[in-house]
C-alpha atoms as a PDB file:
ATOM      1  CA  MET A   1     146.998 -35.364-106.735  1.00  0.00           C
ATOM      2  CA  ILE A   2     149.141 -38.219-107.624  1.00  0.00           C
ATOM      3  CA  ILE A   3     150.690 -40.655-105.131  1.00  0.00           C
ATOM      4  CA  VAL A   4     154.027 -42.716-104.896  1.00  0.00           C
ATOM      5  CA  ILE A   5     154.744 -45.524-103.080  1.00  0.00           C
ATOM      6  CA  ALA A   6     158.584 -46.078-103.172  1.00  0.00           C
ATOM      7  CA  GLY A   7     161.445 -48.235-101.506  1.00  0.00           C
ATOM      8  CA  PRO A   8     163.311 -51.285-101.348  1.00  0.00           C
ATOM      9  CA  THR A   9     162.342 -54.748-102.489  1.00  0.00           C
ATOM     10  CA  GLY A  10     160.424 -57.034-100.560  1.00  0.00           C
ATOM     11  CA  VAL A  11     158.842 -53.983 -98.222  1.00  0.00           C
ATOM     12  CA  GLY A  12     155.500 -54.242 -99.245  1.00  0.00           C
ATOM     13  CA  LYS A  13     154.685 -51.546-101.509  1.00  0.00           C
ATOM     14  CA  THR A  14     152.121 -53.412-103.160  1.00  0.00           C
ATOM     15  CA  LYS A  15     149.931 -54.189-100.153  1.00  0.00           C
ATOM     16  CA  LEU A  16     149.356 -50.684 -99.635  1.00  0.00           C
ATOM     17  CA  SER A  17     149.130 -49.592-102.920  1.00  0.00           C
ATOM     18  CA  ILE A  18     145.943 -51.634-103.190  1.00  0.00           C
ATOM     19  CA  GLU A  19     144.570 -50.385 -99.592  1.00  0.00           C
ATOM     20  CA  LEU A  20     145.329 -46.930-100.982  1.00  0.00           C
ATOM     21  CA  ALA A  21     143.400 -47.398-104.372  1.00  0.00           C
ATOM     22  CA  LYS A  22     140.617 -48.389-102.290  1.00  0.00           C
ATOM     23  CA  HIS A  23     140.746 -45.623-100.169  1.00  0.00           C
ATOM     24  CA  PHE A  24     141.314 -42.897-102.506  1.00  0.00           C
ATOM     25  CA  ASN A  25     139.544 -44.386-105.702  1.00  0.00           C
ATOM     26  CA  GLY A  26     142.941 -45.209-107.533  1.00  0.00           C
ATOM     27  CA  GLU A  27     144.466 -46.826-110.176  1.00  0.00           C
ATOM     28  CA  ILE A  28     148.048 -47.878-109.695  1.00  0.00           C
ATOM     29  CA  VAL A  29     150.885 -47.409-112.583  1.00  0.00           C
ATOM     30  CA  ASN A  30     153.174 -50.193-112.511  1.00  0.00           C
ATOM     31  CA  ALA A  31     156.774 -48.131-111.811  1.00  0.00           C
ATOM     32  CA  ASP A  32     159.255 -51.500-112.024  1.00  0.00           C
ATOM     33  CA  SER A  33     161.178 -51.824-115.251  1.00  0.00           C
ATOM     34  CA  THR A  34     161.306 -55.328-115.238  1.00  0.00           C
ATOM     35  CA  GLN A  35     157.304 -55.794-114.491  1.00  0.00           C
ATOM     36  CA  VAL A  36     156.367 -54.725-118.027  1.00  0.00           C
ATOM     37  CA  TYR A  37     157.474 -57.854-119.303  1.00  0.00           C
ATOM     38  CA  LYS A  38     155.156 -60.500-120.328  1.00  0.00           C
ATOM     39  CA  GLY A  39     155.894 -63.991-118.443  1.00  0.00           C
ATOM     40  CA  LEU A  40     158.372 -62.449-115.905  1.00  0.00           C
ATOM     41  CA  ASP A  41     156.421 -62.929-113.011  1.00  0.00           C
ATOM     42  CA  ILE A  42     157.945 -65.099-110.020  1.00  0.00           C
ATOM     43  CA  ALA A  43     161.154 -63.268-109.948  1.00  0.00           C
ATOM     44  CA  THR A  44     159.854 -59.949-110.377  1.00  0.00           C
ATOM     45  CA  ALA A  45     157.308 -60.293-107.812  1.00  0.00           C
ATOM     46  CA  LYS A  46     154.414 -59.429-110.099  1.00  0.00           C
ATOM     47  CA  VAL A  47     151.468 -58.570-108.319  1.00  0.00           C
ATOM     48  CA  GLY A  48     148.545 -61.891-109.442  1.00  0.00           C
ATOM     49  CA  LYS A  49     145.171 -61.408-110.348  1.00  0.00           C
ATOM     50  CA  GLU A  50     144.169 -61.844-106.941  1.00  0.00           C
ATOM     51  CA  GLU A  51     146.150 -59.245-105.228  1.00  0.00           C
ATOM     52  CA  MET A  52     144.540 -56.400-107.101  1.00  0.00           C
ATOM     53  CA  GLU A  53     141.241 -56.797-105.680  1.00  0.00           C
ATOM     54  CA  GLY A  54     139.238 -55.536-108.921  1.00  0.00           C
ATOM     55  CA  ILE A  55     141.704 -52.001-108.834  1.00  0.00           C
ATOM     56  CA  LYS A  56     142.985 -51.302-112.280  1.00  0.00           C
ATOM     57  CA  HIS A  57     146.908 -51.750-113.173  1.00  0.00           C
ATOM     58  CA  HIS A  58     148.466 -49.853-115.881  1.00  0.00           C
ATOM     59  CA  LEU A  59     151.818 -51.123-117.728  1.00  0.00           C
ATOM     60  CA  LEU A  60     152.207 -54.540-116.718  1.00  0.00           C
ATOM     61  CA  ASP A  61     153.149 -57.097-119.050  1.00  0.00           C
ATOM     62  CA  ILE A  62     153.202 -54.935-122.314  1.00  0.00           C
ATOM     63  CA  LYS A  63     156.046 -56.156-123.559  1.00  0.00           C
ATOM     64  CA  ASP A  64     157.478 -59.874-124.845  1.00  0.00           C
ATOM     65  CA  ILE A  65     161.166 -60.283-123.429  1.00  0.00           C
ATOM     66  CA  ASN A  66     162.578 -59.813-126.500  1.00  0.00           C
ATOM     67  CA  GLU A  67     161.190 -56.670-127.266  1.00  0.00           C
ATOM     68  CA  ASP A  68     163.267 -53.422-126.517  1.00  0.00           C
ATOM     69  CA  TYR A  69     161.522 -50.834-123.914  1.00  0.00           C
ATOM     70  CA  THR A  70     162.759 -47.884-122.650  1.00  0.00           C
ATOM     71  CA  VAL A  71     162.503 -44.984-120.018  1.00  0.00           C
ATOM     72  CA  TYR A  72     161.597 -42.634-123.152  1.00  0.00           C
ATOM     73  CA  ASP A  73     159.168 -45.157-123.674  1.00  0.00           C
ATOM     74  CA  TYR A  74     157.764 -45.254-120.246  1.00  0.00           C
ATOM     75  CA  GLN A  75     157.761 -41.783-119.515  1.00  0.00           C
ATOM     76  CA  ARG A  76     155.701 -41.208-122.936  1.00  0.00           C
ATOM     77  CA  GLN A  77     153.537 -43.922-121.758  1.00  0.00           C
ATOM     78  CA  GLY A  78     153.071 -43.407-118.231  1.00  0.00           C
ATOM     79  CA  ARG A  79     151.854 -39.563-118.621  1.00  0.00           C
ATOM     80  CA  ILE A  80     149.317 -40.134-120.983  1.00  0.00           C
ATOM     81  CA  ILE A  81     148.009 -42.818-118.576  1.00  0.00           C
ATOM     82  CA  ILE A  82     148.341 -40.358-115.257  1.00  0.00           C
ATOM     83  CA  GLU A  83     146.017 -37.765-117.688  1.00  0.00           C
ATOM     84  CA  ASP A  84     143.721 -40.488-118.535  1.00  0.00           C
ATOM     85  CA  ILE A  85     143.142 -41.092-114.873  1.00  0.00           C
ATOM     86  CA  LYS A  86     143.256 -37.851-113.502  1.00  0.00           C
ATOM     87  CA  ASN A  87     140.550 -37.013-116.472  1.00  0.00           C
ATOM     88  CA  ARG A  88     138.350 -39.562-115.206  1.00  0.00           C
ATOM     89  CA  ASN A  89     138.584 -38.145-111.648  1.00  0.00           C
ATOM     90  CA  LYS A  90     140.620 -41.010-110.249  1.00  0.00           C
ATOM     91  CA  VAL A  91     143.908 -40.805-108.322  1.00  0.00           C
ATOM     92  CA  PRO A  92     147.340 -41.901-110.166  1.00  0.00           C
ATOM     93  CA  ILE A  93     148.950 -44.374-107.563  1.00  0.00           C
ATOM     94  CA  ILE A  94     152.421 -45.001-109.279  1.00  0.00           C
ATOM     95  CA  VAL A  95     153.904 -48.034-107.530  1.00  0.00           C
ATOM     96  CA  GLY A  96     157.775 -49.436-108.322  1.00  0.00           C
ATOM     97  CA  GLY A  97     161.445 -49.610-107.054  1.00  0.00           C
ATOM     98  CA  THR A  98     162.628 -48.512-110.371  1.00  0.00           C
ATOM     99  CA  GLY A  99     163.942 -44.663-109.315  1.00  0.00           C
ATOM    100  CA  LEU A 100     164.432 -43.734-112.872  1.00  0.00           C
ATOM    101  CA  TYR A 101     161.225 -44.497-113.902  1.00  0.00           C
ATOM    102  CA  ILE A 102     159.241 -42.287-111.751  1.00  0.00           C
ATOM    103  CA  LYS A 103     161.777 -39.599-112.299  1.00  0.00           C
ATOM    104  CA  ALA A 104     161.050 -39.191-115.598  1.00  0.00           C
ATOM    105  CA  LEU A 105     157.839 -39.707-115.632  1.00  0.00           C
ATOM    106  CA  LEU A 106     157.209 -36.883-112.718  1.00  0.00           C
ATOM    107  CA  TYR A 107     160.186 -34.719-113.536  1.00  0.00           C
ATOM    108  CA  ASP A 108     160.783 -32.144-115.938  1.00  0.00           C
ATOM    109  CA  TYR A 109     163.207 -35.229-117.286  1.00  0.00           C
ATOM    110  CA  LYS A 110     164.542 -34.432-120.578  1.00  0.00           C
ATOM    111  CA  PHE A 111     166.093 -37.238-123.224  1.00  0.00           C
ATOM    112  CA  VAL A 112     168.262 -35.596-125.702  1.00  0.00           C
ATOM    113  CA  GLY A 113     170.797 -35.936-128.194  1.00  0.00           C
ATOM    114  CA  SER A 114     172.272 -39.243-130.180  1.00  0.00           C
ATOM    115  CA  SER A 115     175.845 -38.166-129.369  1.00  0.00           C
ATOM    116  CA  ASN A 116     177.704 -41.677-129.223  1.00  0.00           C
ATOM    117  CA  ASN A 117     181.751 -40.451-129.320  1.00  0.00           C
ATOM    118  CA  GLN A 118     183.406 -42.910-127.514  1.00  0.00           C
ATOM    119  CA  TYR A 119     186.533 -40.675-127.419  1.00  0.00           C
ATOM    120  CA  GLU A 120     188.691 -43.645-127.672  1.00  0.00           C
ATOM    121  CA  GLU A 121     192.261 -41.542-128.739  1.00  0.00           C
ATOM    122  CA  TYR A 122     191.945 -39.979-125.029  1.00  0.00           C
ATOM    123  CA  SER A 123     193.767 -41.628-122.011  1.00  0.00           C
ATOM    124  CA  ASP A 124     191.381 -41.945-118.510  1.00  0.00           C
ATOM    125  CA  GLU A 125     193.177 -38.735-117.229  1.00  0.00           C
ATOM    126  CA  GLU A 126     192.829 -36.928-120.688  1.00  0.00           C
ATOM    127  CA  LEU A 127     189.194 -37.740-120.390  1.00  0.00           C
ATOM    128  CA  TYR A 128     188.795 -36.786-117.146  1.00  0.00           C
ATOM    129  CA  ASN A 129     190.264 -33.609-117.296  1.00  0.00           C
ATOM    130  CA  LYS A 130     188.058 -32.986-120.511  1.00  0.00           C
ATOM    131  CA  LEU A 131     185.658 -33.519-118.390  1.00  0.00           C
ATOM    132  CA  ILE A 132     186.918 -31.089-115.355  1.00  0.00           C
ATOM    133  CA  SER A 133     187.589 -27.983-118.059  1.00  0.00           C
ATOM    134  CA  ILE A 134     183.430 -28.171-118.861  1.00  0.00           C
ATOM    135  CA  ASP A 135     182.228 -29.131-115.921  1.00  0.00           C
ATOM    136  CA  PRO A 136     184.421 -28.539-112.586  1.00  0.00           C
ATOM    137  CA  HIS A 137     181.237 -29.489-110.003  1.00  0.00           C
ATOM    138  CA  THR A 138     180.924 -33.146-111.309  1.00  0.00           C
ATOM    139  CA  ASP A 139     181.165 -35.760-109.005  1.00  0.00           C
ATOM    140  CA  ILE A 140     181.888 -38.515-111.408  1.00  0.00           C
ATOM    141  CA  HIS A 141     185.010 -40.415-110.224  1.00  0.00           C
ATOM    142  CA  LYS A 142     187.872 -40.085-111.835  1.00  0.00           C
ATOM    143  CA  ASN A 143     188.447 -43.516-113.432  1.00  0.00           C
ATOM    144  CA  ASN A 144     184.220 -43.926-114.612  1.00  0.00           C
ATOM    145  CA  ARG A 145     185.437 -43.922-117.724  1.00  0.00           C
ATOM    146  CA  LYS A 146     182.061 -45.412-118.714  1.00  0.00           C
ATOM    147  CA  ARG A 147     180.326 -42.016-117.086  1.00  0.00           C
ATOM    148  CA  ILE A 148     182.705 -39.982-118.104  1.00  0.00           C
ATOM    149  CA  VAL A 149     182.205 -40.939-121.660  1.00  0.00           C
ATOM    150  CA  ARG A 150     178.035 -39.748-120.517  1.00  0.00           C
ATOM    151  CA  ALA A 151     178.957 -36.604-119.282  1.00  0.00           C
ATOM    152  CA  LEU A 152     180.582 -35.174-122.146  1.00  0.00           C
ATOM    153  CA  ASN A 153     178.222 -36.642-124.864  1.00  0.00           C
ATOM    154  CA  TYR A 154     175.496 -34.951-122.450  1.00  0.00           C
ATOM    155  CA  TYR A 155     177.601 -31.585-123.038  1.00  0.00           C
ATOM    156  CA  ASN A 156     177.763 -32.242-126.534  1.00  0.00           C
ATOM    157  CA  ASP A 157     173.941 -32.228-127.136  1.00  0.00           C
ATOM    158  CA  THR A 158     172.982 -29.891-124.663  1.00  0.00           C
ATOM    159  CA  ASN A 159     175.748 -27.579-124.323  1.00  0.00           C
ATOM    160  CA  MET A 160     175.264 -27.846-120.313  1.00  0.00           C
ATOM    161  CA  PRO A 161     176.996 -29.827-118.035  1.00  0.00           C
ATOM    162  CA  TYR A 162     175.907 -33.439-116.848  1.00  0.00           C
ATOM    163  CA  SER A 163     175.806 -32.275-112.995  1.00  0.00           C
ATOM    164  CA  THR A 164     173.027 -29.489-113.701  1.00  0.00           C
ATOM    165  CA  LYS A 165     170.952 -32.709-115.571  1.00  0.00           C
ATOM    166  CA  GLU A 166     169.157 -33.946-112.580  1.00  0.00           C
ATOM    167  CA  THR A 167     169.621 -30.800-110.187  1.00  0.00           C
ATOM    168  CA  ASP A 168     167.729 -28.799-112.386  1.00  0.00           C
ATOM    169  CA  SER A 169     164.793 -31.233-113.039  1.00  0.00           C
ATOM    170  CA  LYS A 170     161.698 -29.760-111.893  1.00  0.00           C
ATOM    171  CA  LEU A 171     158.316 -31.755-111.020  1.00  0.00           C
ATOM    172  CA  ILE A 172     155.642 -31.057-113.700  1.00  0.00           C
ATOM    173  CA  TYR A 173     152.522 -32.148-111.578  1.00  0.00           C
ATOM    174  CA  ASP A 174     150.979 -30.468-108.238  1.00  0.00           C
ATOM    175  CA  ASP A 175     150.176 -32.281-105.461  1.00  0.00           C
ATOM    176  CA  VAL A 176     152.467 -35.483-105.755  1.00  0.00           C
ATOM    177  CA  PHE A 177     153.363 -37.250-102.971  1.00  0.00           C
ATOM    178  CA  PHE A 178     156.112 -39.096-102.303  1.00  0.00           C
ATOM    179  CA  ILE A 179     155.708 -42.131 -99.855  1.00  0.00           C
ATOM    180  CA  GLY A 180     158.523 -44.067 -98.670  1.00  0.00           C
ATOM    181  CA  LEU A 181     158.620 -47.581 -96.777  1.00  0.00           C
ATOM    182  CA  THR A 182     161.313 -48.477 -95.267  1.00  0.00           C
ATOM    183  CA  THR A 183     162.188 -51.080 -92.513  1.00  0.00           C
ATOM    184  CA  ASP A 184     165.085 -52.243 -89.996  1.00  0.00           C
ATOM    185  CA  ARG A 185     167.896 -53.354 -92.254  1.00  0.00           C
ATOM    186  CA  ASN A 186     168.338 -56.819 -90.062  1.00  0.00           C
ATOM    187  CA  ASN A 187     164.233 -57.632 -90.685  1.00  0.00           C
ATOM    188  CA  LEU A 188     164.477 -56.083 -94.478  1.00  0.00           C
ATOM    189  CA  TYR A 189     166.647 -58.246 -94.975  1.00  0.00           C
ATOM    190  CA  ASN A 190     165.286 -61.800 -93.369  1.00  0.00           C
ATOM    191  CA  ILE A 191     162.024 -60.177 -95.318  1.00  0.00           C
ATOM    192  CA  ILE A 192     163.880 -60.887 -98.637  1.00  0.00           C
ATOM    193  CA  ASN A 193     165.138 -64.032 -97.904  1.00  0.00           C
ATOM    194  CA  LYS A 194     162.011 -65.267 -96.690  1.00  0.00           C
ATOM    195  CA  ARG A 195     160.711 -64.038 -99.996  1.00  0.00           C
ATOM    196  CA  VAL A 196     163.068 -65.795-102.364  1.00  0.00           C
ATOM    197  CA  ASP A 197     162.167 -69.010-100.594  1.00  0.00           C
ATOM    198  CA  ILE A 198     158.662 -68.360-101.321  1.00  0.00           C
ATOM    199  CA  MET A 199     159.492 -67.362-104.734  1.00  0.00           C
ATOM    200  CA  LEU A 200     160.901 -71.240-105.137  1.00  0.00           C
ATOM    201  CA  ASP A 201     158.076 -72.856-103.554  1.00  0.00           C
ATOM    202  CA  ASN A 202     155.644 -70.920-106.174  1.00  0.00           C
ATOM    203  CA  GLY A 203     157.544 -72.265-109.291  1.00  0.00           C
ATOM    204  CA  LEU A 204     160.510 -69.909-109.542  1.00  0.00           C
ATOM    205  CA  LEU A 205     162.591 -72.623-110.977  1.00  0.00           C
ATOM    206  CA  LYS A 206     160.285 -73.628-113.595  1.00  0.00           C
ATOM    207  CA  GLU A 207     159.624 -70.107-114.588  1.00  0.00           C
ATOM    208  CA  ALA A 208     163.477 -69.123-114.832  1.00  0.00           C
ATOM    209  CA  LYS A 209     163.674 -72.597-116.892  1.00  0.00           C
ATOM    210  CA  LYS A 210     161.017 -72.015-119.699  1.00  0.00           C
ATOM    211  CA  ILE A 211     162.667 -68.536-119.762  1.00  0.00           C
ATOM    212  CA  TYR A 212     166.057 -70.096-120.736  1.00  0.00           C
ATOM    213  CA  ASP A 213     165.131 -73.062-122.690  1.00  0.00           C
ATOM    214  CA  THR A 214     164.099 -69.984-125.393  1.00  0.00           C
ATOM    215  CA  ASN A 215     167.700 -68.833-125.782  1.00  0.00           C
ATOM    216  CA  ILE A 216     166.919 -65.161-125.166  1.00  0.00           C
ATOM    217  CA  ARG A 217     169.084 -63.510-123.458  1.00  0.00           C
ATOM    218  CA  THR A 218     167.704 -59.866-124.048  1.00  0.00           C
ATOM    219  CA  LYS A 219     168.506 -57.272-121.371  1.00  0.00           C
ATOM    220  CA  ALA A 220     164.852 -57.524-120.160  1.00  0.00           C
ATOM    221  CA  VAL A 221     165.651 -61.101-118.904  1.00  0.00           C
ATOM    222  CA  MET A 222     169.030 -60.935-117.487  1.00  0.00           C
ATOM    223  CA  THR A 223     168.394 -57.219-115.769  1.00  0.00           C
ATOM    224  CA  PRO A 224     165.813 -59.005-113.157  1.00  0.00           C
ATOM    225  CA  ILE A 225     167.490 -60.831-110.273  1.00  0.00           C
ATOM    226  CA  GLY A 226     166.377 -64.308-110.071  1.00  0.00           C
ATOM    227  CA  TYR A 227     167.202 -65.700-114.246  1.00  0.00           C
ATOM    228  CA  LYS A 228     170.571 -64.712-114.668  1.00  0.00           C
ATOM    229  CA  GLU A 229     171.499 -66.704-111.415  1.00  0.00           C
ATOM    230  CA  LEU A 230     169.548 -69.803-112.097  1.00  0.00           C
ATOM    231  CA  PHE A 231     171.128 -69.279-115.731  1.00  0.00           C
ATOM    232  CA  ASP A 232     174.511 -70.622-114.363  1.00  0.00           C
ATOM    233  CA  TYR A 233     172.737 -73.202-112.192  1.00  0.00           C
ATOM    234  CA  PHE A 234     171.154 -74.885-115.575  1.00  0.00           C
ATOM    235  CA  ASP A 235     174.521 -74.193-117.345  1.00  0.00           C
ATOM    236  CA  ASN A 236     176.219 -76.581-114.495  1.00  0.00           C
ATOM    237  CA  LYS A 237     178.148 -73.692-113.409  1.00  0.00           C
ATOM    238  CA  ILE A 238     177.240 -73.523-109.944  1.00  0.00           C
ATOM    239  CA  SER A 239     175.122 -75.514-107.879  1.00  0.00           C
ATOM    240  CA  LYS A 240     171.082 -75.093-107.053  1.00  0.00           C
ATOM    241  CA  GLU A 241     172.364 -73.747-103.725  1.00  0.00           C
ATOM    242  CA  GLU A 242     174.719 -71.565-104.735  1.00  0.00           C
ATOM    243  CA  ALA A 243     172.348 -69.864-107.181  1.00  0.00           C
ATOM    244  CA  ILE A 244     169.033 -69.797-104.122  1.00  0.00           C
ATOM    245  CA  GLU A 245     171.967 -67.615-102.106  1.00  0.00           C
ATOM    246  CA  LEU A 246     173.141 -65.787-104.961  1.00  0.00           C
ATOM    247  CA  ILE A 247     169.434 -64.582-105.536  1.00  0.00           C
ATOM    248  CA  LYS A 248     169.253 -63.660-101.880  1.00  0.00           C
ATOM    249  CA  ARG A 249     172.649 -61.821-101.760  1.00  0.00           C
ATOM    250  CA  ASN A 250     171.553 -59.594-104.823  1.00  0.00           C
ATOM    251  CA  SER A 251     168.519 -58.980-103.969  1.00  0.00           C
ATOM    252  CA  ARG A 252     169.794 -57.699-100.552  1.00  0.00           C
ATOM    253  CA  ARG A 253     172.551 -55.533-102.221  1.00  0.00           C
ATOM    254  CA  TYR A 254     169.686 -54.247-104.804  1.00  0.00           C
ATOM    255  CA  ALA A 255     167.442 -53.190-101.751  1.00  0.00           C
ATOM    256  CA  LYS A 256     170.709 -51.239-100.032  1.00  0.00           C
ATOM    257  CA  ARG A 257     171.096 -49.559-103.376  1.00  0.00           C
ATOM    258  CA  GLN A 258     167.281 -48.600-103.743  1.00  0.00           C
ATOM    259  CA  TYR A 259     167.583 -46.738-100.325  1.00  0.00           C
ATOM    260  CA  THR A 260     170.759 -44.877-101.308  1.00  0.00           C
ATOM    261  CA  TRP A 261     168.954 -43.829-104.786  1.00  0.00           C
ATOM    262  CA  PHE A 262     165.537 -43.087-103.389  1.00  0.00           C
ATOM    263  CA  ASN A 263     167.446 -41.045-100.551  1.00  0.00           C
ATOM    264  CA  ASN A 264     169.753 -39.135-102.832  1.00  0.00           C
ATOM    265  CA  LYS A 265     167.389 -38.406-106.036  1.00  0.00           C
ATOM    266  CA  MET A 266     163.884 -37.340-104.171  1.00  0.00           C
ATOM    267  CA  ASP A 267     162.103 -35.898-101.110  1.00  0.00           C
ATOM    268  CA  MET A 268     160.452 -39.059 -99.672  1.00  0.00           C
ATOM    269  CA  LYS A 269     158.558 -39.268 -96.639  1.00  0.00           C
ATOM    270  CA  TRP A 270     159.517 -42.228 -94.756  1.00  0.00           C
ATOM    271  CA  PHE A 271     157.009 -44.659 -92.915  1.00  0.00           C
ATOM    272  CA  SER A 272     158.413 -47.272 -91.186  1.00  0.00           C
ATOM    273  CA  VAL A 273     156.325 -50.289 -91.854  1.00  0.00           C
ATOM    274  CA  ASP A 274     154.204 -52.509 -89.186  1.00  0.00           C
ATOM    275  CA  TYR A 275     154.458 -56.012 -89.810  1.00  0.00           C
ATOM    276  CA  ASN A 276     152.691 -57.216 -87.167  1.00  0.00           C
ATOM    277  CA  ASN A 277     149.743 -54.726 -87.676  1.00  0.00           C
ATOM    278  CA  PHE A 278     150.125 -53.623 -91.254  1.00  0.00           C
ATOM    279  CA  ASN A 279     146.499 -51.265 -91.075  1.00  0.00           C
ATOM    280  CA  ASN A 280     148.565 -49.471 -88.825  1.00  0.00           C
ATOM    281  CA  THR A 281     150.744 -48.385 -91.698  1.00  0.00           C
ATOM    282  CA  ILE A 282     148.003 -48.126 -93.967  1.00  0.00           C
ATOM    283  CA  LYS A 283     146.015 -45.270 -91.657  1.00  0.00           C
ATOM    284  CA  GLU A 284     149.525 -43.881 -90.863  1.00  0.00           C
ATOM    285  CA  VAL A 285     149.498 -43.017 -94.719  1.00  0.00           C
ATOM    286  CA  VAL A 286     146.177 -42.082 -95.525  1.00  0.00           C
ATOM    287  CA  ASN A 287     146.308 -39.481 -92.345  1.00  0.00           C
ATOM    288  CA  TYR A 288     149.324 -38.023 -93.990  1.00  0.00           C
ATOM    289  CA  VAL A 289     147.899 -37.821 -97.215  1.00  0.00           C
ATOM    290  CA  GLU A 290     144.389 -36.606 -96.174  1.00  0.00           C
ATOM    291  CA  LYS A 291     146.519 -33.727 -93.761  1.00  0.00           C
ATOM    292  CA  ASN A 292     148.372 -32.355 -96.535  1.00  0.00           C
ATOM    293  CA  SER A 293     146.113 -32.840 -99.695  1.00  0.00           C
END
C-alpha cells in the first residue's frame, strides 16, 4: 500500500501525514520541490523536528541551494526509497503539493531525448500549423510558443504526439490511495493569509535576508513564494507591506493552480477538512483507507 496526501498549500497535509504514519506504520516521502533544499525552511513550510514526532522523513534537506535537482532526480531517488520502505514492511506516505513530482514518482512517466530545436525560423502561426499536422488533438493554445516548441521536440524524440504523453501514463504501483485535502476557498485563503503572518513571526524576514546576502539566485531560491518578493523589498523596489501582500496574493494564486492540477491530472479522493476537530478528518481518511485496502 502507498498513501498519497496532496492538496493546496496550507490545507493541513503535514498534520494528516504524521497521524497516518503513526496509524499505518508509515514513513513519509516529501513531494514538495522546494523542501529538498537546505535552508529553505520557513517560506516552504518545511516540517520541523518536533512536528515529525519521531516519524522518519525522506527527501528533505538533500540539496544545497546552488545545486540542481530535477523531476527525473526525484523520480529516481523516490522510487528507490519507496521500495526500501515497502521491503521493511512499512507504508510509504507521499506528501506534498508538487503534482508533477507525484506524477513522475508513481506513474509510468518517461523522460526522453535531448532535442532542443527552438524553431526560430518559424512564425507563431507556422509553428502552430506544424504542431497541428502531427498532433491534431493538441490542447495547446496557438499563442503559447514555448509549449508548442516543447511538444514538437517531444515528437522528435518519441515519434508520438505530445497530447498522449500523460493520458497514456499508468500507475506502476498497486494499491495507491490518493487523498486530497480541501476546504472552502474563502476559508483556505484566510488560512493562507494567517499562515504568512505566522511565517513572519517565526523569522521569514531573517531567513530571506540570509539567502539574499548570498547573491545566489538559482531556481531553488527563486521558485518558492516568499523569497523573491522580499528580495524586491531588500532592493528598495517595494515596501515591506507590499512584499507581504504579494506573498499572500501569490500563495493564494498558487493554491488555486494546485487545485486545478490535482483535479485534472489525478483521481483524487477529496476530504473536506474539519478544522474545529481535525481528529474527525483523520478518522474519516483512516476509515476510507482501511475499508478499501
